[in-house]
Amino acid sequence: MKRLVSALLGLIVCATPAAALETCRFIQDKAEREACYHRQEQELAARRKPEPAPVAGPSAEAKTVQSLQQMRRDDAEVYRSIGGICNGC
């Protein structure tokens, strides 16, 4: 019985924000409905986490270039090791 009550309470708590978001579409007056949507948008924006500030460091392009250079060095090393194994392949 306690589990049922706690499950129902959890369902009610989870469903309440979703129900609050659905109420705007039932408002008949267009201006009031738009104002409701605007308030909801502001509430959602306030809940979102702010994006972290960019860290000072190498740019994405510099990282890509470094990655490609490392891959080329690795490829060259692999080709040298294969060259000793496959004579005449």
Protein backbone atom coordinates (compact mmCIF):
# COMPACT_ATOMS: atom_id res chain seq x y z
CA MET A 1 0.00 0.00 0.00
CA LYS A 2 2.85 2.39 0.84
CA ARG A 3 4.48 1.67 -2.49
CA LEU A 4 1.28 2.46 -4.34
CA VAL A 5 0.89 5.76 -2.53
CA SER A 6 4.52 6.74 -3.16
CA ALA A 7 4.24 5.75 -6.83
CA LEU A 8 1.09 7.84 -7.26
CA LEU A 9 2.69 10.78 -5.47
CA GLY A 10 5.74 10.53 -7.75
CA LEU A 11 3.51 10.41 -10.81
CA ILE A 12 1.60 13.49 -9.71
CA VAL A 13 4.80 15.43 -9.06
CA CYS A 14 6.25 14.47 -12.45
CA ALA A 15 3.04 15.16 -14.37
CA THR A 16 2.41 18.62 -12.89
CA PRO A 17 5.06 20.52 -14.94
CA ALA A 18 3.89 18.80 -18.13
CA ALA A 19 0.29 19.77 -17.39
CA ALA A 20 1.35 23.37 -16.79
CA LEU A 21 2.96 23.47 -20.23
CA GLU A 22 -0.20 22.16 -21.88
CA THR A 23 -2.54 24.83 -20.49
CA CYS A 24 -1.53 27.58 -22.93
CA ARG A 25 -2.99 25.91 -25.96
CA PHE A 26 -6.48 25.93 -24.42
CA ILE A 27 -6.59 29.72 -23.97
CA GLN A 28 -9.02 31.15 -26.52
CA ASP A 29 -7.78 34.75 -26.69
CA LYS A 30 -4.77 34.93 -29.00
CA ALA A 31 -2.99 37.70 -27.07
CA GLU A 32 -3.35 35.85 -23.76
CA ARG A 33 -2.22 32.58 -25.36
CA GLU A 34 0.87 34.26 -26.84
CA ALA A 35 1.64 35.85 -23.46
CA CYS A 36 1.34 32.43 -21.83
CA TYR A 37 3.74 30.90 -24.35
CA HIS A 38 6.15 33.80 -23.76
CA ARG A 39 6.08 33.23 -19.98
CA GLN A 40 6.70 29.52 -20.46
CA GLU A 41 9.63 30.26 -22.74
CA GLN A 42 11.13 32.55 -20.12
CA GLU A 43 10.64 29.93 -17.39
CA LEU A 44 12.33 27.26 -19.50
CA ALA A 45 15.23 29.57 -20.34
CA ALA A 46 15.70 30.32 -16.64
CA ARG A 47 15.86 26.60 -15.85
CA ARG A 48 18.47 25.84 -18.48
CA LYS A 49 22.07 25.80 -17.40
CA PRO A 50 24.22 28.55 -18.85
CA GLU A 51 26.74 27.35 -21.37
CA PRO A 52 30.29 27.16 -20.05
CA ALA A 53 32.65 29.91 -21.13
CA PRO A 54 35.15 28.87 -23.79
CA VAL A 55 38.49 27.83 -22.35
CA ALA A 56 41.53 29.67 -23.63
CA GLY A 57 43.54 27.10 -25.51
CA PRO A 58 44.14 25.76 -28.97
CA SER A 59 41.33 26.34 -31.40
CA ALA A 60 39.37 23.52 -32.98
CA GLU A 61 41.29 24.00 -36.22
CA ALA A 62 44.63 23.74 -34.43
CA LYS A 63 43.48 20.57 -32.68
CA THR A 64 42.43 19.08 -36.02
CA VAL A 65 45.79 19.89 -37.58
CA GLN A 66 47.64 18.36 -34.61
CA SER A 67 45.48 15.26 -34.84
CA LEU A 68 46.16 14.87 -38.56
CA GLN A 69 49.91 15.33 -38.05
CA GLN A 70 49.92 12.67 -35.34
CA MET A 71 48.01 10.26 -37.59
CA ARG A 72 50.51 10.84 -40.41
CA ARG A 73 53.43 10.10 -38.05
CA ASP A 74 51.68 6.94 -36.88
CA ASP A 75 51.00 5.88 -40.48
CA ALA A 76 54.63 6.45 -41.46
CA GLU A 77 55.78 4.30 -38.53
CA VAL A 78 53.40 1.50 -39.49
CA TYR A 79 54.49 1.61 -43.14
CA ARG A 80 58.17 1.38 -42.09
CA SER A 81 57.44 -1.66 -39.93
CA ILE A 82 55.42 -3.33 -42.69
CA GLY A 83 58.17 -2.66 -45.22
CA GLY A 84 60.55 -4.90 -43.25
CA ILE A 85 57.99 -7.74 -43.09
CA CYS A 86 56.76 -7.83 -46.68
CA ASN A 87 59.69 -7.99 -49.05
CA GLY A 88 58.28 -8.34 -52.52
CA CYS A 89 54.62 -8.31 -51.58
